[in-house]
Amino acid sequence: MTEPPQRRPQVASSAERTPLPVPPAALGRNEARVVEAWREWLRALATDAEAALAAAIAYRELDAKARDEWLGALDQDLEAVGVPKFAAYAPLLAVESDSDRRARIHRAIGSLESATPSVAAQGLVGVGQRGLRVAVLVTPLYLDFVQVLACGFRPDRGFEWVRHDPIVDRGRAPQNGQRLEGVVLETTSLQLLIDDLAHAVLAHKRAGRELPEALRVFADLFGPGSGSSTPPPPVEP
């Protein structure tokens, strides 16, 4: 039987098109208009999920030298613009894998505890044709931003498709009663949903199929003892 193609994690196309000011130091220019464009964009990171997601996308594509220049520009400019440090650094941490730069970012951020919303993760589920379950996990990141995992799965067979949106405005995340892939979503017990997804992860692996990349972000949640309702940490590479 031909296996349906997996869907790649999707990001908002508007975020991919968002023009990103280059740190002035990277241009070798400190003209007032260049500096102000950069700082105005930094201000948007605290309120605009698309700007934050665009930052993560752009930073992910940079080489080591350019990443160091970006971090150096943040060190220099954040105090001047009054943006909370976690708002500027968290999108970069989501895609940074170098241990030294990760340590540098952690030192710059300090603690994220005060920035993390005091709201619980949410689980939504619906049943489509031929018993395919459509599930959504919405977990808090910081400020009013959440990450969203959506998937179509069968607990005994694994996943047919998976999508992961790493940074989304909470108000734009899926809600009870909305439709996804033609299926009406309803709020469900987070623990029961995680248990079902954990079974699907095991079935997927036992069938010799590679786990979709998006699910690896939630590996701790679906690992041994995954019945806990504790949400996963902010997205990691």
Protein backbone atom coordinates (compact mmCIF):
# COMPACT_ATOMS: atom_id res chain seq x y z
CA MET A 1 0.00 0.00 0.00
CA THR A 2 1.36 3.40 -0.90
CA GLU A 3 1.94 5.56 2.15
CA PRO A 4 0.53 9.09 1.86
CA PRO A 5 3.22 11.77 1.72
CA GLN A 6 4.04 13.51 4.99
CA ARG A 7 3.38 17.18 5.20
CA ARG A 8 6.29 19.35 6.07
CA PRO A 9 6.01 21.72 9.06
CA GLN A 10 4.55 24.96 7.83
CA VAL A 11 5.37 28.54 8.69
CA ALA A 12 3.31 31.57 7.89
CA SER A 13 4.15 32.71 4.37
CA SER A 14 3.81 36.31 5.51
CA ALA A 15 6.59 35.70 8.02
CA GLU A 16 8.82 34.31 5.28
CA ARG A 17 8.20 37.48 3.25
CA THR A 18 8.76 39.87 6.16
CA PRO A 19 11.66 42.23 5.33
CA LEU A 20 14.30 41.86 8.02
CA PRO A 21 16.60 44.81 8.73
CA VAL A 22 20.22 43.69 8.88
CA PRO A 23 22.11 44.66 12.07
CA PRO A 24 23.93 47.90 11.25
CA ALA A 25 27.30 46.42 12.24
CA ALA A 26 26.85 43.67 9.64
CA LEU A 27 26.50 46.37 6.97
CA GLY A 28 29.43 48.34 8.25
CA ARG A 29 27.10 51.32 8.46
CA ASN A 30 25.80 53.27 11.41
CA GLU A 31 23.60 55.76 9.58
CA ALA A 32 20.72 56.99 11.70
CA ARG A 33 18.04 55.63 9.36
CA VAL A 34 19.65 52.18 9.25
CA VAL A 35 19.97 52.02 13.01
CA GLU A 36 16.40 53.21 13.56
CA ALA A 37 14.97 50.69 11.07
CA TRP A 38 16.77 47.92 12.94
CA ARG A 39 15.55 49.19 16.33
CA GLU A 40 11.97 49.66 15.15
CA TRP A 41 11.96 46.05 13.99
CA LEU A 42 13.31 44.94 17.39
CA ARG A 43 10.37 46.68 19.06
CA ALA A 44 7.96 44.59 17.00
CA LEU A 45 9.37 41.34 18.42
CA ALA A 46 7.52 41.82 21.70
CA THR A 47 4.07 42.11 20.10
CA ASP A 48 4.13 40.59 16.62
CA ALA A 49 4.30 36.80 16.30
CA GLU A 50 5.05 37.02 12.57
CA ALA A 51 8.04 39.25 13.27
CA ALA A 52 9.27 36.79 15.90
CA LEU A 53 8.83 33.84 13.55
CA ALA A 54 10.55 35.75 10.75
CA ALA A 55 13.46 36.41 13.10
CA ALA A 56 13.82 32.70 13.81
CA ILE A 57 13.67 31.87 10.08
CA ALA A 58 16.23 34.50 9.14
CA TYR A 59 18.65 33.70 11.97
CA ARG A 60 18.49 29.99 11.14
CA GLU A 61 19.83 30.72 7.64
CA LEU A 62 22.84 32.75 8.81
CA ASP A 63 26.41 31.50 9.04
CA ALA A 64 28.36 31.59 12.31
CA LYS A 65 29.90 35.04 11.73
CA ALA A 66 26.57 36.63 10.89
CA ARG A 67 24.92 35.06 13.94
CA ASP A 68 27.63 36.48 16.18
CA GLU A 69 27.09 39.90 14.61
CA TRP A 70 23.34 39.63 15.22
CA LEU A 71 23.89 38.76 18.89
CA GLY A 72 26.40 41.58 19.23
CA ALA A 73 23.87 44.04 17.80
CA LEU A 74 21.27 42.87 20.33
CA ASP A 75 23.75 43.33 23.18
CA GLN A 76 24.28 46.89 22.01
CA ASP A 77 20.77 48.00 21.08
CA LEU A 78 18.23 46.30 23.36
CA GLU A 79 18.67 48.71 26.25
CA ALA A 80 18.07 51.63 23.90
CA VAL A 81 14.78 50.29 22.52
CA GLY A 82 13.36 49.02 25.81
CA VAL A 83 12.38 45.60 24.44
CA PRO A 84 12.30 42.73 26.98
CA LYS A 85 15.38 40.62 26.37
CA PHE A 86 13.45 37.37 26.12
CA ALA A 87 11.34 38.79 23.27
CA ALA A 88 14.42 39.44 21.13
CA TYR A 89 16.45 36.38 22.05
CA ALA A 90 13.83 33.61 22.39
CA PRO A 91 13.15 33.27 18.64
CA LEU A 92 16.90 32.83 18.08
CA LEU A 93 17.21 30.26 20.83
CA ALA A 94 14.50 28.25 19.10
CA VAL A 95 16.80 27.54 16.15
CA GLU A 96 20.32 27.83 17.58
CA SER A 97 22.23 24.56 18.04
CA ASP A 98 25.75 25.80 18.80
CA SER A 99 26.43 25.24 22.51
CA ASP A 100 28.51 28.39 22.97
CA ARG A 101 25.96 30.67 21.33
CA ARG A 102 23.13 28.97 23.20
CA ALA A 103 24.96 29.63 26.46
CA ARG A 104 25.48 33.25 25.41
CA ILE A 105 21.77 33.63 24.65
CA HIS A 106 20.76 32.02 27.95
CA ARG A 107 23.04 34.43 29.84
CA ALA A 108 21.52 37.37 28.00
CA ILE A 109 17.92 36.27 28.61
CA GLY A 110 18.26 35.24 32.23
CA SER A 111 15.05 33.49 33.27
CA LEU A 112 12.00 33.05 31.06
CA GLU A 113 9.75 32.18 34.01
CA SER A 114 8.40 35.70 34.45
CA ALA A 115 7.62 35.91 30.73
CA THR A 116 5.88 32.56 30.36
CA PRO A 117 2.08 32.89 30.47
CA SER A 118 0.46 31.31 33.53
CA VAL A 119 -1.98 29.39 31.33
CA ALA A 120 -2.16 25.67 30.76
CA ALA A 121 -1.48 23.84 27.55
CA GLN A 122 -4.61 22.93 25.62
CA GLY A 123 -5.59 19.80 23.72
CA LEU A 124 -8.14 19.62 20.90
CA VAL A 125 -9.26 16.58 18.93
CA GLY A 126 -11.78 15.54 16.30
CA VAL A 127 -12.53 12.39 14.31
CA GLY A 128 -12.64 12.44 10.53
CA GLN A 129 -13.38 9.95 7.81
CA ARG A 130 -12.40 6.32 8.36
CA GLY A 131 -11.49 7.05 11.95
CA LEU A 132 -8.58 9.40 11.31
CA ARG A 133 -8.06 11.57 14.38
CA VAL A 134 -7.10 15.19 13.98
CA ALA A 135 -5.38 16.57 17.06
CA VAL A 136 -3.95 19.92 18.13
CA LEU A 137 -1.64 20.75 21.03
CA VAL A 138 -1.36 24.42 21.96
CA THR A 139 1.43 25.16 24.45
CA PRO A 140 2.53 28.53 25.87
CA LEU A 141 5.89 30.06 24.97
CA TYR A 142 6.21 33.61 26.30
CA LEU A 143 4.10 36.76 26.42
CA ASP A 144 1.03 36.04 24.27
CA PHE A 145 2.83 33.61 21.98
CA VAL A 146 2.18 29.88 21.78
CA GLN A 147 3.39 27.00 19.66
CA VAL A 148 0.95 24.72 17.86
CA LEU A 149 1.35 21.07 16.92
CA ALA A 150 -1.36 19.72 14.62
CA CYS A 151 -1.53 16.20 13.23
CA GLY A 152 -3.68 13.52 11.68
CA PHE A 153 -3.03 10.12 13.25
CA ARG A 154 -4.27 6.67 14.16
CA PRO A 155 -3.07 5.40 17.56
CA ASP A 156 -2.38 1.91 16.20
CA ARG A 157 -0.79 2.97 12.90
CA GLY A 158 0.96 6.30 13.38
CA PHE A 159 0.80 9.68 11.69
CA GLU A 160 -0.52 10.59 8.27
CA TRP A 161 0.45 14.25 8.50
CA VAL A 162 2.04 16.63 11.00
CA ARG A 163 2.40 20.41 11.14
CA HIS A 164 4.24 22.56 13.66
CA ASP A 165 3.92 26.33 13.95
CA PRO A 166 6.67 27.35 16.40
CA ILE A 167 5.42 30.88 17.19
CA VAL A 168 1.77 31.92 16.94
CA ASP A 169 -0.32 34.66 18.54
CA ARG A 170 -2.49 32.97 21.16
CA GLY A 171 -5.61 34.54 19.70
CA ARG A 172 -4.90 32.93 16.32
CA ALA A 173 -4.34 29.41 17.65
CA PRO A 174 -7.03 26.77 16.97
CA GLN A 175 -10.02 26.90 19.33
CA ASN A 176 -12.85 24.63 20.43
CA GLY A 177 -15.46 24.35 17.67
CA GLN A 178 -13.16 25.35 14.81
CA ARG A 179 -12.49 23.10 11.84
CA LEU A 180 -9.12 21.72 10.79
CA GLU A 181 -8.82 19.61 7.64
CA GLY A 182 -12.62 19.51 7.59
CA VAL A 183 -12.86 18.09 11.12
CA VAL A 184 -14.53 19.92 14.02
CA LEU A 185 -12.17 20.24 16.99
CA GLU A 186 -13.33 19.79 20.56
CA THR A 187 -11.46 20.42 23.79
CA THR A 188 -10.21 17.20 25.32
CA SER A 189 -8.21 15.99 28.30
CA LEU A 190 -4.61 16.89 27.65
CA GLN A 191 -3.35 13.77 29.39
CA LEU A 192 -5.59 11.46 27.34
CA LEU A 193 -4.55 13.16 24.12
CA ILE A 194 -0.86 12.87 24.99
CA ASP A 195 -1.36 9.18 25.77
CA ASP A 196 -3.00 8.64 22.36
CA LEU A 197 -0.22 10.53 20.59
CA ALA A 198 2.41 8.55 22.50
CA HIS A 199 0.82 5.32 21.25
CA ALA A 200 0.85 6.71 17.72
CA VAL A 201 4.55 7.58 18.07
CA LEU A 202 5.32 3.98 19.09
CA ALA A 203 3.21 2.54 16.27
CA HIS A 204 4.92 4.83 13.77
CA LYS A 205 8.36 3.69 14.92
CA ARG A 206 7.42 0.01 15.03
CA ALA A 207 6.31 0.25 11.42
CA GLY A 208 9.85 1.30 10.55
CA ARG A 209 8.81 4.80 9.55
CA GLU A 210 10.87 7.86 10.40
CA LEU A 211 9.20 10.14 12.92
CA PRO A 212 8.20 13.48 11.36
CA GLU A 213 10.66 16.23 12.21
CA ALA A 214 7.99 18.36 13.88
CA LEU A 215 7.31 15.66 16.48
CA ARG A 216 10.92 15.61 17.61
CA VAL A 217 10.35 18.98 19.23
CA PHE A 218 7.94 17.18 21.55
CA ALA A 219 10.10 14.08 22.11
CA ASP A 220 10.13 14.51 25.90
CA LEU A 221 6.36 14.76 25.98
CA PHE A 222 5.83 11.53 24.07
CA GLY A 223 8.67 9.54 25.61
CA PRO A 224 8.49 7.05 28.51
CA GLY A 225 6.03 8.16 31.16
CA SER A 226 4.44 10.55 28.72
CA GLY A 227 1.12 10.63 30.53
CA SER A 228 2.14 13.84 32.26
CA SER A 229 0.23 16.94 31.26
CA THR A 230 3.32 19.13 31.60
CA PRO A 231 3.76 21.07 28.36
CA PRO A 232 7.02 20.85 26.41
CA PRO A 233 9.63 23.61 26.57
CA PRO A 234 9.94 26.24 23.85
CA VAL A 235 10.89 24.82 20.47
CA GLU A 236 14.38 23.41 20.19
CA PRO A 237 16.27 22.42 17.04
